[in-house]
Protein backbone atom coordinates (compact mmCIF):
# COMPACT_ATOMS: atom_id res chain seq x y z
CA MET A 1 65.93 130.06 -121.16
CA LYS A 2 64.99 133.69 -121.77
CA LYS A 3 62.57 135.60 -119.54
CA GLU A 4 59.89 135.67 -122.24
CA THR A 5 60.15 131.92 -122.82
CA GLU A 6 60.24 131.32 -119.06
CA GLY A 7 56.94 133.20 -118.70
CA ARG A 8 55.20 131.01 -121.25
CA TYR A 9 56.75 127.93 -119.68
CA GLN A 10 55.18 128.71 -116.28
CA LYS A 11 51.67 128.89 -117.79
CA LEU A 12 51.82 125.37 -119.22
CA CYS A 13 50.55 122.20 -117.59
CA PRO A 14 53.11 119.49 -116.64
CA GLN A 15 52.51 117.51 -119.84
CA GLU A 16 52.91 120.61 -122.00
CA ARG A 17 56.05 121.61 -120.08
CA LEU A 18 57.55 118.23 -120.90
CA ALA A 19 56.72 118.67 -124.61
CA PHE A 20 58.08 122.20 -124.52
CA SER A 21 61.35 121.05 -122.97
CA VAL A 22 61.66 118.20 -125.46
CA ASP A 23 61.18 120.61 -128.33
CA LEU A 24 63.95 122.83 -126.97
CA GLY A 25 66.22 119.79 -126.82
CA ARG A 26 66.74 119.91 -123.03
CA ILE A 27 65.25 116.54 -122.05
CA ASP A 28 63.56 113.52 -123.62
CA TRP A 29 60.02 112.31 -123.05
CA CYS A 30 60.98 110.65 -119.74
CA GLY A 31 62.78 113.69 -118.35
CA ASN A 32 66.26 112.34 -119.14
CA LEU A 33 68.96 113.95 -121.23
CA PRO A 34 68.32 113.20 -124.90
CA GLN A 35 70.49 110.77 -126.79
CA LYS A 36 71.92 112.13 -130.01
CA THR A 37 72.25 109.96 -133.11
CA THR A 38 71.96 110.29 -136.84
CA CYS A 39 69.13 109.22 -139.12
CA GLY A 40 69.75 109.62 -142.83
CA GLY A 41 72.82 111.77 -142.26
CA ARG A 42 71.14 114.29 -139.92
CA PRO A 43 70.96 114.42 -136.09
CA THR A 44 67.83 112.92 -134.62
CA ARG A 45 66.63 112.83 -131.01
CA LEU A 46 65.71 109.38 -129.65
CA LEU A 47 62.72 108.74 -127.41
CA SER A 48 63.23 106.97 -124.10
CA PRO A 49 63.26 103.13 -124.36
CA THR A 50 60.92 102.84 -121.35
CA LEU A 51 58.01 104.31 -123.32
CA PHE A 52 57.97 101.66 -126.04
CA GLY A 53 58.77 98.33 -124.39
CA GLY A 54 62.54 98.76 -124.19
CA LYS A 55 62.95 99.88 -127.82
CA ALA A 56 64.30 103.33 -128.54
CA LEU A 57 62.27 105.07 -131.24
CA SER A 58 63.42 108.13 -133.14
CA THR A 59 61.22 111.05 -134.11
CA GLU A 60 61.17 109.60 -137.63
CA HIS A 61 59.28 106.51 -136.42
CA PRO A 62 55.62 106.27 -137.66
CA HIS A 63 54.37 105.83 -134.09
CA PHE A 64 55.89 109.16 -133.15
CA LEU A 65 54.68 110.89 -136.32
CA ASN A 66 51.09 109.97 -135.48
CA ARG A 67 51.28 112.02 -132.26
CA GLN A 68 53.98 114.55 -133.10
CA VAL A 69 53.79 117.81 -131.12
CA LEU A 70 55.03 121.03 -132.68
CA VAL A 71 55.75 124.13 -130.62
CA ASN A 72 55.69 127.58 -132.16
CA PRO A 73 58.48 129.58 -130.43
CA LYS A 74 56.49 132.81 -130.86
CA LYS A 75 53.25 131.45 -129.43
CA SER A 76 52.28 129.19 -126.56
CA SER A 77 49.79 127.15 -128.61
CA TYR A 78 50.51 123.57 -129.66
CA LEU A 79 49.67 122.29 -133.12
CA ARG A 80 49.39 118.66 -134.11
CA SER A 81 50.89 118.00 -137.50
CA PRO A 82 48.63 115.93 -139.81
CA ILE A 83 49.89 112.64 -141.21
CA LYS A 84 50.77 112.96 -144.87
CA ARG A 85 49.58 109.86 -146.69
CA PRO A 86 49.90 109.24 -150.44
CA HIS A 87 46.83 110.25 -152.44
CA LYS A 88 44.69 107.23 -153.31
CA LYS A 89 43.60 107.12 -156.92
CA VAL A 90 39.91 106.26 -157.25
CA ASP A 91 38.49 104.59 -160.33
CA SER A 92 35.95 107.26 -161.26
CA LEU A 93 34.24 105.01 -163.80
CA SER A 94 33.29 102.44 -161.17
CA TYR A 95 31.67 105.16 -159.03
CA LYS A 96 29.85 106.86 -161.89
CA THR A 97 26.15 107.48 -161.31
CA LEU A 98 24.05 106.37 -164.27
CA SER A 99 20.82 108.23 -165.05
CA ALA A 100 18.06 106.51 -166.97
CA ASN A 101 16.58 107.98 -170.15
CA LYS A 102 14.06 106.99 -172.81
CA ALA A 103 16.63 104.85 -174.61
CA THR A 104 17.66 102.82 -171.55
CA VAL A 105 14.37 102.53 -169.65
CA THR A 106 12.71 99.11 -169.60
CA LYS A 107 9.02 99.25 -168.67
CA ASN A 108 7.43 96.00 -167.57
CA TRP A 109 3.74 95.15 -167.18
CA LEU A 110 2.49 94.09 -163.74
CA VAL A 111 -0.89 92.91 -162.48
CA VAL A 112 -2.12 93.74 -158.96
CA ASP A 113 -5.25 92.20 -157.47
CA ALA A 114 -7.10 94.76 -155.33
CA GLU A 115 -9.51 92.30 -153.76
CA GLY A 116 -9.40 92.62 -149.97
CA GLN A 117 -6.67 95.30 -150.12
CA THR A 118 -6.87 98.55 -148.15
CA LEU A 119 -7.19 101.47 -150.54
CA GLY A 120 -4.51 103.79 -149.16
CA ARG A 121 -1.84 101.14 -148.58
CA MET A 122 -2.36 99.55 -151.97
CA ALA A 123 -2.36 102.93 -153.74
CA SER A 124 0.97 103.94 -152.16
CA GLN A 125 2.60 100.69 -153.29
CA VAL A 126 1.16 100.98 -156.81
CA ALA A 127 2.46 104.57 -156.99
CA LYS A 128 5.96 103.30 -156.15
CA LEU A 129 5.79 100.76 -158.97
CA ILE A 130 4.61 103.40 -161.44
CA ARG A 131 7.28 105.83 -160.22
CA GLY A 132 10.02 103.20 -160.57
CA LYS A 133 11.36 103.48 -157.01
CA HIS A 134 11.71 99.70 -156.78
CA LYS A 135 14.41 99.75 -159.49
CA THR A 136 18.12 100.36 -159.01
CA SER A 137 18.05 102.59 -162.11
CA TYR A 138 15.47 104.94 -160.57
CA THR A 139 15.86 108.51 -161.84
CA PRO A 140 13.60 111.18 -160.29
CA HIS A 141 13.04 113.23 -163.47
CA VAL A 142 12.44 110.29 -165.85
CA ASN A 143 9.39 108.10 -166.41
CA CYS A 144 11.22 104.87 -165.56
CA GLY A 145 8.48 102.93 -163.75
CA ASP A 146 6.35 100.00 -164.88
CA HIS A 147 2.83 99.71 -166.22
CA VAL A 148 0.50 98.53 -163.44
CA ILE A 149 -2.84 96.81 -164.11
CA VAL A 150 -5.21 96.85 -161.13
CA ILE A 151 -8.04 94.32 -161.26
CA ASN A 152 -11.06 93.85 -158.95
CA ALA A 153 -11.15 97.56 -158.12
CA ASP A 154 -14.79 97.18 -157.07
CA LYS A 155 -13.69 94.91 -154.18
CA ILE A 156 -11.32 97.41 -152.56
CA ALA A 157 -11.71 98.05 -148.81
CA LEU A 158 -11.64 101.29 -146.82
CA SER A 159 -10.98 101.38 -143.09
CA GLY A 160 -13.39 102.93 -140.60
CA ALA A 161 -16.31 104.92 -141.94
CA LYS A 162 -14.42 106.39 -144.91
CA MET A 163 -16.78 104.75 -147.38
CA GLU A 164 -19.48 107.25 -146.32
CA ASP A 165 -17.48 110.09 -144.71
CA LYS A 166 -14.80 110.65 -147.38
CA LYS A 167 -15.71 113.34 -149.92
CA TYR A 168 -14.70 113.75 -153.56
CA VAL A 169 -15.01 117.26 -155.01
CA ARG A 170 -15.31 118.07 -158.71
CA TYR A 171 -16.45 121.01 -160.82
CA THR A 172 -18.65 121.00 -163.92
CA GLY A 173 -17.16 124.24 -165.22
CA TYR A 174 -20.41 126.19 -164.91
CA PRO A 175 -21.37 128.69 -162.18
CA GLY A 176 -22.49 126.80 -159.10
CA GLY A 177 -21.17 123.58 -160.60
CA GLN A 178 -19.38 122.25 -157.52
CA ARG A 179 -20.29 118.61 -156.94
CA PHE A 180 -19.58 116.26 -154.02
CA SER A 181 -19.58 112.47 -153.90
CA THR A 182 -18.53 109.66 -151.55
CA PRO A 183 -16.63 106.42 -152.22
CA ALA A 184 -19.88 104.50 -151.74
CA SER A 185 -21.60 106.45 -154.52
CA GLU A 186 -18.57 106.21 -156.79
CA MET A 187 -18.46 102.43 -156.30
CA LYS A 188 -21.97 102.25 -157.76
CA ARG A 189 -21.35 104.70 -160.59
CA LYS A 190 -17.65 104.15 -161.54
CA PRO A 191 -15.64 101.83 -159.22
CA THR A 192 -12.32 102.51 -160.98
CA ARG A 193 -12.36 106.22 -160.03
CA VAL A 194 -11.74 105.42 -156.34
CA VAL A 195 -8.43 103.69 -157.10
CA GLU A 196 -7.45 106.21 -159.78
CA GLU A 197 -7.93 109.22 -157.51
CA ALA A 198 -5.98 107.56 -154.68
CA VAL A 199 -2.99 106.80 -156.92
CA ARG A 200 -3.15 110.16 -158.69
CA GLY A 201 -2.79 111.96 -155.37
CA MET A 202 0.47 110.10 -154.68
CA LEU A 203 2.18 111.05 -157.96
CA PRO A 204 4.02 114.31 -158.75
CA LYS A 205 1.78 117.29 -159.59
CA ASN A 206 3.47 118.23 -162.88
CA ARG A 207 3.84 117.03 -166.47
CA LEU A 208 5.88 114.04 -165.27
CA GLY A 209 3.07 113.04 -162.93
CA ARG A 210 0.53 113.28 -165.77
CA ALA A 211 2.74 111.04 -167.91
CA LEU A 212 3.17 108.57 -165.06
CA PHE A 213 -0.59 108.36 -164.56
CA ASN A 214 -0.92 106.91 -168.06
CA SER A 215 0.92 103.81 -166.77
CA LEU A 216 -2.01 102.99 -164.47
CA HIS A 217 -4.75 100.73 -165.87
CA VAL A 218 -7.68 100.01 -163.52
CA PHE A 219 -10.44 97.48 -164.16
CA ALA A 220 -13.51 96.82 -162.04
CA GLY A 221 -13.65 93.09 -162.64
CA GLY A 222 -11.12 90.28 -162.69
CA GLU A 223 -10.41 90.57 -166.43
CA HIS A 224 -8.28 93.11 -168.29
CA THR A 225 -7.55 93.92 -171.92
CA HIS A 226 -3.74 93.77 -171.82
CA GLU A 227 -3.10 90.07 -172.38
CA ALA A 228 -0.97 90.91 -175.41
CA GLN A 229 1.59 92.62 -173.15
CA LYS A 230 2.00 89.37 -171.14
CA PRO A 231 1.88 91.02 -167.71
CA THR A 232 3.32 89.46 -164.56
CA VAL A 233 1.14 88.93 -161.49
CA VAL A 234 2.82 90.41 -158.40
CA ASN A 235 2.04 90.23 -154.70
CA LEU A 236 2.47 93.63 -153.06
CA ASN A 237 3.15 92.02 -149.68
CA GLU A 238 6.22 90.27 -151.09
CA ILE A 239 7.67 93.29 -152.92
CA PHE A 240 7.40 95.87 -150.12
C-alpha cells in the first residue's frame, strides 16, 4: 500500500477500513483472504459464508448489489451505487385527468329545505353543490355544479344576536345613497335576500361566480316554480 493510500486508510473508521481493504482485494468481509472464482467467465470475489447463513454469495448476488460499496481510489469518500431496475411502462390513458366542459357537464336539480337550518352552515353547503365540488368530475374553471332550489327561506335561523347586529350595506347610486339594513328588516321586506347574499359571498368573485349564482333559486315559502325540472329533495346532513 502506497504512502498516500496509507494516509487515507488511517483516517477511516474500522467499518470503512474493512470496505477499503475488500475493494483493494486484500481481505473479504470477515477479514479472511478472499476466495477467487469465476462468474460468467470473469473472476469474482466471494463473500464469507458466515455472513449469510453458511452460503457464500458473490458480488453479483442481488443482496450484495443492494448494499454495494464503491471506493474512489483518488478520494476517501464512499458512494453507494443505485440499483438499476427496468423502467416500468405506465398506461398513460388510465391516469389521464379528464376536465369537464359544456358538452360533458350534467346539471341536476336539487331541493333544499331551509327550515330550522343555520344560515352560514347551510349557505356553505349550498355553495358546494352549486360549485360542483361534490362531483368526481369537478373542474375549477367550469360551471359544472347543480341547480339548487332553496325553500322556506323565511324560516332560516341565525345564531346569537346576528339577526339584529349583522349589517347589510348597499348603495343607491346617488350622492349620500349609502343604506344599511339588518337580517330582521330584510326578513320582513324580502326574506330571500338573506340566503342569496350568504351564498353569493361564498362563490368566486368573477364572471364564473356570476354564472354560478344563476343556479341558485330561493323561495320564501314551501312551494317553488320548478316542478317541470323534476328536482330531487336532498338532506344536507347526509351529503356532507
